[in-house]
Amino acid sequence: MAQISAWIPEIEKMSPFQAKQRLQTMPAGAARNAIDCALWQLIAQMEQSQFPAPFFDISPTIETAMTVSIGDVETMAKQAREYAQQGATLLKVKLDAEQVIEKVAAVRQSAPTCKIILDANEAWAELDLDELFTMLTQYDIAMIEQPLPSDNDSKLADVAHPIPLCADESCHTAEHLSELVDRYEMINIKLDKTGGLTEALELETRARALGFSIMVGCMLGTSIAMKAALPIATRAEIVDLDGPVLLGQDVENGLTYLNGTLSL
């Protein structure tokens, strides 16, 4: 809040368009994201509309990953089974360095028809990645997110990628892209990392030009935060915007989550 309060005097007398441009000099992060998204909403209201209209055509229904949280093998298998029974088609499995194969095998057995992506949470630095990646291929894994810490992921350029890798903590804004080309096949765009939709759109454009596929993710948040990411989500190969599902209560008139999809 202190960051936001400090910036209000900088931009409050500007037009929303000028303010949005000036805002890009603020450090990327959650505070800039909040202001940037508020400015997009304000500009939409000036057009007698509600964001994301009138600027973006949003798919009416978007498949989103449902998160299987880190736990013991049985608990993760149970959660995966419940999601699959509820109609989910894409599962994101959160992992650390413990019992990786056992947990993945249990989730796959519990959700045999679901597309599965793994989030390693930077936790695999002490594991043999060549061996682990090879073993994981038998479970039909679509993607692995951030296997190594962001300050130690240069090793990924020397490891075979039988399963595509996605940069999360290693990619915040467009300036980080060039060093990731040999390490990852996909990047995870989160508005709290980019500092808002304005930079996220620039990151998406530059990433695709370099050959990256796009995932859009989120921090824990309400539908207000998820709506701001929909312009990216409608074009992304993988969408992980289930933040409101993990909350005890969402905002009124939020997004609709049903059968592993979200819609306005």
Protein backbone atom coordinates (compact mmCIF):
# COMPACT_ATOMS: atom_id res chain seq x y z
CA MET A 1 0.00 0.00 0.00
CA ALA A 2 2.87 2.36 0.73
CA GLN A 3 4.16 1.99 -2.83
CA ILE A 4 0.73 2.69 -4.26
CA SER A 5 0.18 5.71 -2.01
CA ALA A 6 3.56 7.14 -3.00
CA TRP A 7 2.71 6.94 -6.70
CA ILE A 8 -0.77 8.43 -6.63
CA PRO A 9 0.48 12.06 -6.52
CA GLU A 10 2.73 11.26 -9.51
CA ILE A 11 -0.14 10.29 -11.78
CA GLU A 12 -3.44 11.60 -10.40
CA LYS A 13 -3.41 14.77 -12.53
CA MET A 14 -2.48 12.91 -15.72
CA SER A 15 -4.87 11.41 -18.22
CA PRO A 16 -5.24 7.62 -17.76
CA PHE A 17 -3.21 7.10 -20.94
CA GLN A 18 -0.37 9.32 -19.72
CA ALA A 19 -0.51 7.71 -16.28
CA LYS A 20 -0.28 4.23 -17.76
CA GLN A 21 2.83 5.21 -19.69
CA ARG A 22 4.43 6.94 -16.69
CA LEU A 23 3.66 3.93 -14.51
CA GLN A 24 6.05 1.74 -16.49
CA THR A 25 8.96 3.44 -14.71
CA MET A 26 7.73 2.05 -11.38
CA PRO A 27 9.41 -1.23 -10.35
CA ALA A 28 7.48 -4.26 -11.62
CA GLY A 29 5.46 -6.05 -8.99
CA ALA A 30 2.09 -6.29 -7.28
CA ALA A 31 1.79 -2.57 -6.50
CA ARG A 32 2.32 -1.52 -10.12
CA ASN A 33 -0.04 -4.27 -11.22
CA ALA A 34 -2.82 -2.89 -9.02
CA ILE A 35 -2.50 0.62 -10.45
CA ASP A 36 -2.04 -0.55 -14.04
CA CYS A 37 -5.15 -2.72 -13.92
CA ALA A 38 -7.14 0.10 -12.30
CA LEU A 39 -6.13 2.36 -15.19
CA TRP A 40 -7.26 -0.22 -17.76
CA GLN A 41 -10.61 -0.38 -15.95
CA LEU A 42 -10.88 3.41 -15.86
CA ILE A 43 -10.20 3.69 -19.59
CA ALA A 44 -12.85 1.02 -20.25
CA GLN A 45 -15.36 3.00 -18.18
CA MET A 46 -14.55 6.10 -20.21
CA GLU A 47 -15.64 4.05 -23.22
CA GLN A 48 -18.92 3.21 -21.44
CA SER A 49 -17.80 -0.38 -21.00
CA GLN A 50 -16.39 -2.81 -18.46
CA PHE A 51 -12.89 -4.25 -18.78
CA PRO A 52 -11.79 -6.40 -20.61
CA ALA A 53 -14.22 -4.95 -23.17
CA PRO A 54 -13.92 -2.97 -25.38
CA PHE A 55 -10.21 -3.61 -25.97
CA PHE A 56 -10.04 -7.41 -26.09
CA ASP A 57 -12.11 -10.28 -27.46
CA ILE A 58 -12.21 -12.88 -24.70
CA SER A 59 -13.04 -16.54 -25.29
CA PRO A 60 -16.42 -17.29 -23.67
CA THR A 61 -15.03 -20.36 -21.90
CA ILE A 62 -11.37 -20.99 -21.04
CA GLU A 63 -9.86 -24.22 -19.73
CA THR A 64 -7.92 -23.59 -16.53
CA ALA A 65 -5.65 -25.81 -14.49
CA MET A 66 -6.89 -26.96 -11.12
CA THR A 67 -4.16 -27.14 -8.48
CA VAL A 68 -3.19 -30.35 -6.71
CA SER A 69 -1.38 -29.08 -3.63
CA ILE A 70 1.77 -30.56 -2.11
CA GLY A 71 0.93 -33.33 0.34
CA ASP A 72 1.49 -37.00 0.91
CA VAL A 73 0.93 -39.44 -1.94
CA GLU A 74 -2.55 -40.50 -0.84
CA THR A 75 -3.81 -36.95 -0.27
CA MET A 76 -2.59 -35.75 -3.65
CA ALA A 77 -4.12 -38.75 -5.40
CA LYS A 78 -7.45 -38.10 -3.66
CA GLN A 79 -7.46 -34.43 -4.67
CA ALA A 80 -6.64 -35.30 -8.28
CA ARG A 81 -9.42 -37.90 -8.36
CA GLU A 82 -11.95 -35.41 -7.00
CA TYR A 83 -11.01 -32.79 -9.58
CA ALA A 84 -11.28 -35.34 -12.38
CA GLN A 85 -14.69 -36.46 -11.14
CA GLN A 86 -15.80 -32.81 -11.13
CA GLY A 87 -14.92 -32.52 -14.81
CA ALA A 88 -11.48 -30.93 -14.69
CA THR A 89 -9.36 -31.68 -17.75
CA LEU A 90 -6.09 -29.97 -16.73
CA LEU A 91 -4.28 -30.50 -13.41
CA LYS A 92 -1.31 -28.57 -12.07
CA VAL A 93 0.58 -30.74 -9.59
CA LYS A 94 2.68 -28.88 -7.03
CA LEU A 95 5.84 -30.73 -6.00
CA ASP A 96 8.97 -30.45 -3.92
CA ALA A 97 11.95 -32.82 -4.04
CA GLU A 98 10.28 -35.60 -2.02
CA GLN A 99 8.74 -38.68 -3.67
CA VAL A 100 8.39 -36.99 -7.03
CA ILE A 101 7.79 -40.14 -9.06
CA GLU A 102 5.50 -41.71 -6.48
CA LYS A 103 3.30 -38.61 -6.33
CA VAL A 104 3.15 -38.15 -10.09
CA ALA A 105 2.33 -41.83 -10.61
CA ALA A 106 -0.47 -41.65 -8.05
CA VAL A 107 -1.96 -38.52 -9.60
CA ARG A 108 -1.80 -40.00 -13.09
CA GLN A 109 -3.52 -43.18 -11.90
CA SER A 110 -6.23 -41.13 -10.19
CA ALA A 111 -6.82 -38.88 -13.20
CA PRO A 112 -5.96 -40.99 -16.25
CA THR A 113 -7.60 -38.73 -18.84
CA CYS A 114 -6.46 -35.35 -17.50
CA LYS A 115 -3.68 -33.28 -18.99
CA ILE A 116 -1.05 -32.88 -16.26
CA ILE A 117 1.55 -30.18 -15.72
CA LEU A 118 4.07 -30.17 -12.87
CA ASP A 119 5.27 -27.23 -10.78
CA ALA A 120 8.62 -28.09 -9.22
CA ASN A 121 8.77 -24.84 -7.23
CA GLU A 122 12.55 -24.48 -7.87
CA ALA A 123 13.07 -27.58 -5.70
CA TRP A 124 14.98 -30.02 -7.89
CA ALA A 125 18.51 -28.66 -7.61
CA GLU A 126 19.77 -31.76 -5.80
CA LEU A 127 18.08 -34.26 -8.10
CA ASP A 128 19.48 -35.92 -11.22
CA LEU A 129 17.44 -34.09 -13.85
CA ASP A 130 18.46 -36.32 -16.75
CA GLU A 131 17.20 -39.37 -14.89
CA LEU A 132 14.14 -37.66 -13.46
CA PHE A 133 12.97 -36.15 -16.75
CA THR A 134 13.35 -39.52 -18.46
CA MET A 135 11.35 -41.28 -15.75
CA LEU A 136 8.59 -38.69 -15.93
CA THR A 137 8.01 -39.26 -19.64
CA GLN A 138 6.10 -42.47 -18.87
CA TYR A 139 3.35 -40.45 -17.14
CA ASP A 140 2.36 -38.30 -20.13
CA ILE A 141 3.36 -34.99 -18.56
CA ALA A 142 2.64 -31.93 -20.72
CA MET A 143 5.06 -29.49 -19.07
CA ILE A 144 7.37 -28.98 -16.07
CA GLU A 145 7.50 -25.56 -14.44
CA GLN A 146 10.66 -24.09 -12.86
CA PRO A 147 12.67 -27.19 -11.87
CA LEU A 148 15.67 -25.16 -10.62
CA PRO A 149 16.10 -21.92 -8.67
CA SER A 150 16.08 -18.85 -10.89
CA ASP A 151 19.67 -18.01 -9.96
CA ASN A 152 20.88 -21.50 -10.86
CA ASP A 153 18.90 -22.47 -13.95
CA SER A 154 21.64 -22.01 -16.54
CA LYS A 155 22.25 -25.77 -16.14
CA LEU A 156 19.00 -26.40 -17.98
CA ALA A 157 20.71 -25.50 -21.25
CA ASP A 158 22.85 -28.62 -20.88
CA VAL A 159 20.03 -31.01 -19.97
CA ALA A 160 17.78 -32.75 -22.50
CA HIS A 161 14.14 -31.64 -22.36
CA PRO A 162 11.97 -34.65 -23.27
CA ILE A 163 9.18 -32.70 -21.54
CA PRO A 164 8.88 -28.93 -22.22
CA LEU A 165 10.08 -26.66 -19.41
CA CYS A 166 8.38 -23.44 -18.34
CA ALA A 167 10.04 -20.44 -16.66
CA ASP A 168 8.16 -18.93 -13.73
CA GLU A 169 10.45 -17.35 -11.15
CA SER A 170 13.07 -16.96 -13.88
CA CYS A 171 10.85 -14.67 -15.98
CA HIS A 172 9.28 -11.49 -14.66
CA THR A 173 9.44 -8.95 -17.49
CA ALA A 174 10.54 -8.87 -21.12
CA GLU A 175 14.11 -7.92 -20.19
CA HIS A 176 14.71 -11.45 -18.86
CA LEU A 177 13.76 -13.27 -22.05
CA SER A 178 16.95 -13.51 -24.08
CA GLU A 179 18.86 -15.50 -21.46
CA LEU A 180 16.06 -18.08 -21.23
CA VAL A 181 15.99 -19.22 -24.85
CA ASP A 182 18.13 -22.33 -24.35
CA ARG A 183 16.69 -23.16 -20.94
CA TYR A 184 12.92 -23.17 -21.43
CA GLU A 185 10.27 -23.71 -24.07
CA MET A 186 7.51 -21.78 -22.31
CA ILE A 187 7.16 -18.81 -19.97
CA ASN A 188 4.59 -18.24 -17.23
CA ILE A 189 3.18 -14.71 -17.36
CA LYS A 190 1.78 -13.45 -14.06
CA LEU A 191 0.57 -9.88 -13.78
CA ASP A 192 1.95 -9.57 -10.25
CA LYS A 193 5.40 -10.30 -11.72
CA THR A 194 5.14 -8.12 -14.81
CA GLY A 195 3.63 -5.20 -12.94
CA GLY A 196 0.35 -5.24 -14.81
CA LEU A 197 -1.31 -6.06 -18.09
CA THR A 198 0.59 -3.41 -20.05
CA GLU A 199 3.96 -5.10 -19.54
CA ALA A 200 2.36 -8.56 -19.75
CA LEU A 201 1.18 -7.84 -23.29
CA GLU A 202 4.68 -6.68 -24.25
CA LEU A 203 6.19 -9.78 -22.66
CA GLU A 204 3.78 -12.03 -24.55
CA THR A 205 4.61 -10.40 -27.89
CA ARG A 206 8.36 -10.59 -27.42
CA ALA A 207 8.22 -14.13 -26.04
CA ARG A 208 6.30 -15.43 -29.03
CA ALA A 209 8.77 -13.72 -31.36
CA LEU A 210 11.53 -15.74 -29.67
CA GLY A 211 9.60 -18.99 -30.05
CA PHE A 212 8.28 -19.42 -26.52
CA SER A 213 4.85 -20.84 -25.80
CA ILE A 214 2.76 -18.98 -23.24
CA MET A 215 1.32 -19.97 -19.89
CA VAL A 216 -0.62 -17.46 -17.84
CA GLY A 217 -0.67 -17.94 -14.09
CA CYS A 218 -1.65 -16.11 -10.95
CA MET A 219 -0.96 -15.52 -7.32
CA LEU A 220 -3.75 -16.28 -4.86
CA GLY A 221 -6.48 -13.75 -5.55
CA THR A 222 -10.09 -12.99 -6.36
CA SER A 223 -11.83 -12.88 -9.72
CA ILE A 224 -10.87 -9.21 -10.02
CA ALA A 225 -7.22 -10.23 -10.38
CA MET A 226 -8.06 -13.10 -12.74
CA LYS A 227 -10.14 -10.90 -15.07
CA ALA A 228 -7.15 -8.65 -15.64
CA ALA A 229 -5.23 -11.63 -17.04
CA LEU A 230 -7.95 -12.78 -19.45
CA PRO A 231 -6.50 -10.97 -22.50
CA ILE A 232 -3.40 -13.17 -22.11
CA ALA A 233 -5.39 -16.26 -21.13
CA THR A 234 -7.54 -16.21 -24.25
CA ARG A 235 -4.40 -16.80 -26.37
CA ALA A 236 -2.23 -18.84 -23.99
CA GLU A 237 -1.39 -22.50 -24.51
CA ILE A 238 -1.82 -23.18 -20.77
CA VAL A 239 -4.01 -21.23 -18.34
CA ASP A 240 -3.64 -21.49 -14.56
CA LEU A 241 -6.10 -18.99 -13.11
CA ASP A 242 -7.82 -20.99 -10.38
CA GLY A 243 -6.88 -18.55 -7.60
CA PRO A 244 -10.49 -17.83 -6.58
CA VAL A 245 -11.21 -21.56 -6.21
CA LEU A 246 -8.56 -21.73 -3.49
CA LEU A 247 -10.12 -18.86 -1.52
CA GLY A 248 -12.75 -19.26 1.15
CA GLN A 249 -14.85 -16.61 -0.58
CA ASP A 250 -14.65 -14.80 -3.91
CA VAL A 251 -16.05 -11.37 -4.78
CA GLU A 252 -19.67 -11.00 -5.88
CA ASN A 253 -20.26 -11.35 -9.63
CA GLY A 254 -16.91 -13.06 -10.03
CA LEU A 255 -15.82 -15.48 -12.70
CA THR A 256 -17.73 -18.73 -13.05
CA TYR A 257 -15.67 -21.88 -12.44
CA LEU A 258 -17.25 -25.10 -13.71
CA ASN A 259 -15.84 -28.43 -14.91
CA GLY A 260 -12.28 -27.15 -15.09
CA THR A 261 -13.18 -24.01 -17.01
CA LEU A 262 -13.68 -20.34 -16.25
CA SER A 263 -15.99 -17.86 -17.90
CA LEU A 264 -17.10 -14.26 -17.45
